[in-house]
Amino acid sequence: LAKLQRDVNQLRKDLDAERQKRTDDHDLLTQMLHSEIEGRKRAEERLNNVLDGLQKSLTDRLDNLDQTLEAKDSRMAERVFQLETGLADETAQRNAAAQEIRVDLETEASRAKAQEGELQASVDRVEGIA
């Protein structure tokens, strides 16, 4: 009976030791799991920060490019407007000059006809005298 009691006590000690080992293993695994979860959370947070930074950087660069293109478009439109305005002014000046030349030609043609008429009248008088 004493031997049996010693065996039972030994089995209880072994069982308690096994339970303690399992509890320690469980605690260690739980701690490792929590550490892994925390590590992943920190990694995810760092990754999100990097992605946010990249997104902001790309957004800023796109905004800057958009502003640059808008400024270039505006300058190009202004240049085209200036060229069109200059062309319109030049065309108007040429038309005015052409009109002035037409008027001068008509005036000279009228003068020439008048002089031709006077010359013919003079010729007629000279022929009439002769």
C-alpha atoms as a PDB file:
ATOM      1  CA  LEU A   1       0.000   0.000   0.000  1.00  0.00           C
ATOM      2  CA  ALA A   2       2.826   2.352   0.818  1.00  0.00           C
ATOM      3  CA  LYS A   3       4.415   1.570  -2.513  1.00  0.00           C
ATOM      4  CA  LEU A   4       1.151   2.242  -4.253  1.00  0.00           C
ATOM      5  CA  GLN A   5       0.827   5.492  -2.427  1.00  0.00           C
ATOM      6  CA  ARG A   6       4.373   6.457  -3.450  1.00  0.00           C
ATOM      7  CA  ASP A   7       3.569   5.536  -7.043  1.00  0.00           C
ATOM      8  CA  VAL A   8       0.364   7.612  -6.919  1.00  0.00           C
ATOM      9  CA  ASN A   9       2.265  10.531  -5.395  1.00  0.00           C
ATOM     10  CA  GLN A  10       4.957  10.173  -8.049  1.00  0.00           C
ATOM     11  CA  LEU A  11       2.319  10.068 -10.779  1.00  0.00           C
ATOM     12  CA  ARG A  12       0.708  13.166  -9.306  1.00  0.00           C
ATOM     13  CA  LYS A  13       4.072  14.930  -9.285  1.00  0.00           C
ATOM     14  CA  ASP A  14       4.700  13.830 -12.865  1.00  0.00           C
ATOM     15  CA  LEU A  15       1.216  14.962 -13.837  1.00  0.00           C
ATOM     16  CA  ASP A  16       1.709  18.335 -12.107  1.00  0.00           C
ATOM     17  CA  ALA A  17       5.100  18.701 -13.811  1.00  0.00           C
ATOM     18  CA  GLU A  18       3.525  17.869 -17.199  1.00  0.00           C
ATOM     19  CA  ARG A  19       0.688  20.336 -16.546  1.00  0.00           C
ATOM     20  CA  GLN A  20       3.217  23.009 -15.576  1.00  0.00           C
ATOM     21  CA  LYS A  21       5.242  22.240 -18.722  1.00  0.00           C
ATOM     22  CA  ARG A  22       2.139  22.521 -20.890  1.00  0.00           C
ATOM     23  CA  THR A  23       1.115  25.744 -19.129  1.00  0.00           C
ATOM     24  CA  ASP A  24       4.634  27.126 -19.657  1.00  0.00           C
ATOM     25  CA  ASP A  25       4.564  26.013 -23.321  1.00  0.00           C
ATOM     26  CA  HIS A  26       1.109  27.554 -23.755  1.00  0.00           C
ATOM     27  CA  ASP A  27       2.257  30.802 -22.141  1.00  0.00           C
ATOM     28  CA  LEU A  28       5.370  30.839 -24.331  1.00  0.00           C
ATOM     29  CA  LEU A  29       3.354  30.167 -27.500  1.00  0.00           C
ATOM     30  CA  THR A  30       0.821  32.833 -26.488  1.00  0.00           C
ATOM     31  CA  GLN A  31       3.635  35.289 -25.882  1.00  0.00           C
ATOM     32  CA  MET A  32       5.228  34.398 -29.245  1.00  0.00           C
ATOM     33  CA  LEU A  33       1.876  34.766 -30.985  1.00  0.00           C
ATOM     34  CA  HIS A  34       1.293  38.196 -29.401  1.00  0.00           C
ATOM     35  CA  SER A  35       4.806  39.249 -30.374  1.00  0.00           C
ATOM     36  CA  GLU A  36       4.191  38.100 -33.958  1.00  0.00           C
ATOM     37  CA  ILE A  37       0.857  39.944 -34.072  1.00  0.00           C
ATOM     38  CA  GLU A  38       2.461  43.127 -32.703  1.00  0.00           C
ATOM     39  CA  GLY A  39       5.339  42.800 -35.183  1.00  0.00           C
ATOM     40  CA  ARG A  40       2.911  42.409 -38.059  1.00  0.00           C
ATOM     41  CA  LYS A  41       0.868  45.384 -36.846  1.00  0.00           C
ATOM     42  CA  ARG A  42       4.013  47.528 -36.718  1.00  0.00           C
ATOM     43  CA  ALA A  43       5.077  46.291 -40.163  1.00  0.00           C
ATOM     44  CA  GLU A  44       1.613  47.002 -41.554  1.00  0.00           C
ATOM     45  CA  GLU A  45       1.687  50.471 -39.994  1.00  0.00           C
ATOM     46  CA  ARG A  46       5.139  51.179 -41.490  1.00  0.00           C
ATOM     47  CA  LEU A  47       3.958  49.882 -44.850  1.00  0.00           C
ATOM     48  CA  ASN A  48       0.845  52.063 -44.680  1.00  0.00           C
ATOM     49  CA  ASN A  49       3.004  55.079 -43.791  1.00  0.00           C
ATOM     50  CA  VAL A  50       5.296  54.358 -46.744  1.00  0.00           C
ATOM     51  CA  LEU A  51       2.311  53.919 -49.070  1.00  0.00           C
ATOM     52  CA  ASP A  52       0.714  57.131 -47.781  1.00  0.00           C
ATOM     53  CA  GLY A  53       3.997  58.969 -48.330  1.00  0.00           C
ATOM     54  CA  LEU A  54       4.304  57.591 -51.848  1.00  0.00           C
ATOM     55  CA  GLN A  55       0.714  58.465 -52.640  1.00  0.00           C
ATOM     56  CA  LYS A  56       1.206  62.013 -51.347  1.00  0.00           C
ATOM     57  CA  SER A  57       4.448  62.342 -53.281  1.00  0.00           C
ATOM     58  CA  LEU A  58       2.846  61.099 -56.484  1.00  0.00           C
ATOM     59  CA  THR A  59      -0.173  63.324 -55.968  1.00  0.00           C
ATOM     60  CA  ASP A  60       2.078  66.339 -55.407  1.00  0.00           C
ATOM     61  CA  ARG A  61       4.144  65.505 -58.496  1.00  0.00           C
ATOM     62  CA  LEU A  62       1.002  65.069 -60.609  1.00  0.00           C
ATOM     63  CA  ASP A  63      -0.376  68.363 -59.302  1.00  0.00           C
ATOM     64  CA  ASN A  64       2.927  70.094 -60.148  1.00  0.00           C
ATOM     65  CA  LEU A  65       2.931  68.553 -63.618  1.00  0.00           C
ATOM     66  CA  ASP A  66      -0.682  69.595 -64.112  1.00  0.00           C
ATOM     67  CA  GLN A  67       0.141  73.173 -63.086  1.00  0.00           C
ATOM     68  CA  THR A  68       3.165  73.182 -65.397  1.00  0.00           C
ATOM     69  CA  LEU A  69       1.084  71.920 -68.300  1.00  0.00           C
ATOM     70  CA  GLU A  70      -1.644  74.453 -67.575  1.00  0.00           C
ATOM     71  CA  ALA A  71       0.946  77.251 -67.515  1.00  0.00           C
ATOM     72  CA  LYS A  72       2.440  76.015 -70.793  1.00  0.00           C
ATOM     73  CA  ASP A  73      -1.035  75.739 -72.324  1.00  0.00           C
ATOM     74  CA  SER A  74      -1.826  79.259 -71.150  1.00  0.00           C
ATOM     75  CA  ARG A  75       1.436  80.622 -72.586  1.00  0.00           C
ATOM     76  CA  MET A  76       0.816  78.757 -75.840  1.00  0.00           C
ATOM     77  CA  ALA A  77      -2.738  80.094 -76.058  1.00  0.00           C
ATOM     78  CA  GLU A  78      -1.458  83.623 -75.387  1.00  0.00           C
ATOM     79  CA  ARG A  79       1.205  83.209 -78.090  1.00  0.00           C
ATOM     80  CA  VAL A  80      -1.362  81.887 -80.580  1.00  0.00           C
ATOM     81  CA  PHE A  81      -3.648  84.812 -79.717  1.00  0.00           C
ATOM     82  CA  GLN A  82      -0.773  87.256 -80.270  1.00  0.00           C
ATOM     83  CA  LEU A  83       0.066  85.637 -83.602  1.00  0.00           C
ATOM     84  CA  GLU A  84      -3.568  85.675 -84.694  1.00  0.00           C
ATOM     85  CA  THR A  85      -3.924  89.295 -83.586  1.00  0.00           C
ATOM     86  CA  GLY A  86      -0.717  90.220 -85.398  1.00  0.00           C
ATOM     87  CA  LEU A  87      -1.888  88.413 -88.521  1.00  0.00           C
ATOM     88  CA  ALA A  88      -5.266  90.140 -88.358  1.00  0.00           C
ATOM     89  CA  ASP A  89      -3.578  93.535 -87.911  1.00  0.00           C
ATOM     90  CA  GLU A  90      -1.190  92.843 -90.776  1.00  0.00           C
ATOM     91  CA  THR A  91      -4.059  91.697 -92.997  1.00  0.00           C
ATOM     92  CA  ALA A  92      -6.032  94.843 -92.123  1.00  0.00           C
ATOM     93  CA  GLN A  93      -2.983  97.018 -92.914  1.00  0.00           C
ATOM     94  CA  ARG A  94      -2.472  95.240 -96.251  1.00  0.00           C
ATOM     95  CA  ASN A  95      -6.157  95.611 -97.112  1.00  0.00           C
ATOM     96  CA  ALA A  96      -6.023  99.303 -96.212  1.00  0.00           C
ATOM     97  CA  ALA A  97      -2.864  99.749 -98.301  1.00  0.00           C
ATOM     98  CA  ALA A  98      -4.463  97.897-101.223  1.00  0.00           C
ATOM     99  CA  GLN A  99      -7.574 100.076-100.938  1.00  0.00           C
ATOM    100  CA  GLU A 100      -5.413 103.195-100.858  1.00  0.00           C
ATOM    101  CA  ILE A 101      -3.578 102.008-103.977  1.00  0.00           C
ATOM    102  CA  ARG A 102      -6.935 101.354-105.730  1.00  0.00           C
ATOM    103  CA  VAL A 103      -8.137 104.832-104.822  1.00  0.00           C
ATOM    104  CA  ASP A 104      -4.839 106.331-106.036  1.00  0.00           C
ATOM    105  CA  LEU A 105      -5.094 104.331-109.284  1.00  0.00           C
ATOM    106  CA  GLU A 106      -8.692 105.452-109.820  1.00  0.00           C
ATOM    107  CA  THR A 107      -7.688 109.049-109.130  1.00  0.00           C
ATOM    108  CA  GLU A 108      -4.756 108.800-111.530  1.00  0.00           C
ATOM    109  CA  ALA A 109      -6.961 107.090-114.146  1.00  0.00           C
ATOM    110  CA  SER A 110      -9.531 109.899-113.809  1.00  0.00           C
ATOM    111  CA  ARG A 111      -6.759 112.501-114.087  1.00  0.00           C
ATOM    112  CA  ALA A 112      -5.306 110.720-117.109  1.00  0.00           C
ATOM    113  CA  LYS A 113      -8.753 110.655-118.772  1.00  0.00           C
ATOM    114  CA  ALA A 114      -9.216 114.319-117.992  1.00  0.00           C
ATOM    115  CA  GLN A 115      -5.805 115.118-119.421  1.00  0.00           C
ATOM    116  CA  GLU A 116      -6.567 112.917-122.439  1.00  0.00           C
ATOM    117  CA  GLY A 117      -9.796 114.846-122.930  1.00  0.00           C
ATOM    118  CA  GLU A 118      -7.934 118.176-122.657  1.00  0.00           C
ATOM    119  CA  LEU A 119      -5.264 116.903-125.036  1.00  0.00           C
ATOM    120  CA  GLN A 120      -7.912 115.748-127.506  1.00  0.00           C
ATOM    121  CA  ALA A 121      -9.648 119.119-127.244  1.00  0.00           C
ATOM    122  CA  SER A 122      -6.312 120.842-127.884  1.00  0.00           C
ATOM    123  CA  VAL A 123      -5.656 118.531-130.857  1.00  0.00           C
ATOM    124  CA  ASP A 124      -9.147 119.253-132.180  1.00  0.00           C
ATOM    125  CA  ARG A 125      -8.557 123.036-131.883  1.00  0.00           C
ATOM    126  CA  VAL A 126      -5.187 122.788-133.541  1.00  0.00           C
ATOM    127  CA  GLU A 127      -6.699 120.719-136.348  1.00  0.00           C
ATOM    128  CA  GLY A 128      -9.565 123.191-136.522  1.00  0.00           C
ATOM    129  CA  ILE A 129      -7.102 126.085-136.897  1.00  0.00           C
ATOM    130  CA  ALA A 130      -4.968 124.289-139.395  1.00  0.00           C
END
